[in-house]
């Protein structure tokens, strides 16, 4: 199907799902697992500057996830998440399939943009 409405609906659905996944993970870092335990996990995985990295990842996932949901600076956010997920793959090689799905999904957003149902579309007008 080469219909713009179908493509835009698919991009909206993809953005919503990815955004919620990233928001949930950022929420988990701050409020479920906690900063101290997550810092310990990062340290055990060999992540440099684990205390700082936890804050960067948590804030990026919360804010970036919300930006994906509303479609604001979508390709930039998706590109940033691609770098984040690639770094996560480097340190957590054991969970390849989950990260591969995230990478391919984020690539779709980088390549095709946010679609018409987004704040980006309103700003372009």
Protein backbone atom coordinates (compact mmCIF):
# COMPACT_ATOMS: atom_id res chain seq x y z
CA UNK A 1 0.00 0.00 0.00
CA UNK A 2 1.46 3.26 -1.08
CA UNK A 3 -1.02 5.56 0.60
CA UNK A 4 0.18 8.53 2.65
CA UNK A 5 -2.57 8.02 5.24
CA UNK A 6 -1.50 4.42 5.87
CA UNK A 7 2.17 5.41 6.08
CA UNK A 8 1.41 8.25 8.50
CA UNK A 9 -0.76 6.00 10.66
CA UNK A 10 2.01 3.39 10.78
CA UNK A 11 4.60 6.02 11.72
CA UNK A 12 2.30 7.38 14.43
CA UNK A 13 1.79 3.90 15.87
CA UNK A 14 5.53 3.20 15.75
CA UNK A 15 6.31 6.53 17.45
CA UNK A 16 3.71 5.93 20.16
CA UNK A 17 4.94 2.43 20.97
CA UNK A 18 8.62 3.41 20.98
CA UNK A 19 7.91 6.53 23.01
CA UNK A 20 6.02 4.59 25.66
CA UNK A 21 8.78 1.96 25.81
CA UNK A 22 11.44 4.62 26.38
CA UNK A 23 9.31 6.54 28.90
CA UNK A 24 8.67 3.31 30.82
CA UNK A 25 12.38 2.50 30.91
CA UNK A 26 13.29 6.01 32.09
CA UNK A 27 10.55 5.79 34.73
CA UNK A 28 11.99 2.45 35.84
CA UNK A 29 15.46 3.95 36.25
CA UNK A 30 14.26 6.81 38.46
CA UNK A 31 11.30 5.40 40.37
CA UNK A 32 11.26 1.59 40.26
CA UNK A 33 14.81 0.27 40.31
CA UNK A 34 16.26 3.48 41.68
CA UNK A 35 19.37 5.45 40.82
CA UNK A 36 21.64 3.63 43.26
CA UNK A 37 20.82 0.14 42.01
CA UNK A 38 20.87 1.20 38.37
CA UNK A 39 24.27 2.85 38.91
CA UNK A 40 25.50 -0.45 40.35
CA UNK A 41 24.22 -2.31 37.29
CA UNK A 42 25.89 0.18 34.95
CA UNK A 43 29.13 -0.21 36.89
CA UNK A 44 28.96 -4.01 36.70
CA UNK A 45 28.41 -3.80 32.93
CA UNK A 46 31.49 -1.60 32.55
CA UNK A 47 29.67 1.59 31.55
CA UNK A 48 32.03 4.55 32.00
CA UNK A 49 31.03 7.13 34.63
CA UNK A 50 28.04 5.01 35.75
CA UNK A 51 26.63 7.67 38.10
CA UNK A 52 26.53 10.30 35.36
CA UNK A 53 25.49 7.80 32.70
CA UNK A 54 22.42 6.76 34.70
CA UNK A 55 21.22 10.35 34.85
CA UNK A 56 21.90 10.94 31.14
CA UNK A 57 20.14 7.75 30.07
CA UNK A 58 17.18 8.25 32.41
CA UNK A 59 16.54 11.84 31.39
CA UNK A 60 17.10 11.05 27.70
CA UNK A 61 14.61 8.20 27.84
CA UNK A 62 11.94 10.19 29.67
CA UNK A 63 12.22 13.37 27.61
CA UNK A 64 13.09 11.67 24.33
CA UNK A 65 10.25 9.20 24.72
CA UNK A 66 7.79 12.03 25.30
CA UNK A 67 9.18 13.86 22.26
CA UNK A 68 8.66 10.73 20.14
CA UNK A 69 5.06 10.44 21.34
CA UNK A 70 4.18 14.01 20.32
CA UNK A 71 6.42 13.97 17.27
CA UNK A 72 8.72 16.85 18.21
CA UNK A 73 12.26 16.85 16.72
CA UNK A 74 11.54 13.24 15.89
CA UNK A 75 14.41 12.37 13.57
CA UNK A 76 16.95 13.99 15.90
CA UNK A 77 15.56 12.14 18.92
CA UNK A 78 15.44 8.84 17.02
CA UNK A 79 19.05 9.38 15.89
CA UNK A 80 20.10 10.04 19.49
CA UNK A 81 18.32 6.89 20.63
CA UNK A 82 20.12 4.96 17.88
CA UNK A 83 23.43 6.01 19.42
CA UNK A 84 22.17 5.14 22.91
CA UNK A 85 20.96 1.69 21.85
CA UNK A 86 24.20 1.01 19.98
CA UNK A 87 26.13 1.83 23.15
CA UNK A 88 23.80 -0.44 25.13
CA UNK A 89 24.49 -3.25 22.66
CA UNK A 90 28.20 -2.76 23.18
CA UNK A 91 27.87 -3.19 26.94
CA UNK A 92 24.99 -5.72 26.94
CA UNK A 93 25.72 -8.04 24.03
CA UNK A 94 23.50 -10.73 25.59
CA UNK A 95 20.18 -9.01 24.74
CA UNK A 96 20.72 -8.61 21.01
CA UNK A 97 17.20 -9.33 19.68
CA UNK A 98 15.47 -6.62 21.75
CA UNK A 99 18.06 -4.02 20.79
CA UNK A 100 17.92 -5.07 17.13
CA UNK A 101 14.15 -4.45 17.06
CA UNK A 102 14.66 -1.02 18.64
CA UNK A 103 17.41 -0.15 16.15
CA UNK A 104 15.34 -1.12 13.11
CA UNK A 105 12.27 0.71 14.47
CA UNK A 106 14.28 3.86 15.16
CA UNK A 107 15.84 3.64 11.69
CA UNK A 108 12.35 3.68 10.17
CA UNK A 109 11.64 6.95 11.96
CA UNK A 110 14.98 8.46 10.93
CA UNK A 111 14.42 7.48 7.29
CA UNK A 112 10.69 8.26 6.94
CA UNK A 113 10.32 11.06 9.49
CA UNK A 114 7.53 11.62 11.95
CA UNK A 115 4.57 11.65 9.58
CA UNK A 116 1.73 14.13 9.36
CA UNK A 117 0.35 13.46 12.85
CA UNK A 118 3.18 15.23 14.66
CA UNK A 119 4.33 18.54 16.05
CA UNK A 120 7.14 18.48 13.48
CA UNK A 121 4.55 18.66 10.70
CA UNK A 122 2.92 21.70 12.31
CA UNK A 123 6.28 23.47 12.59
CA UNK A 124 7.15 22.87 8.93
CA UNK A 125 4.04 24.65 7.68
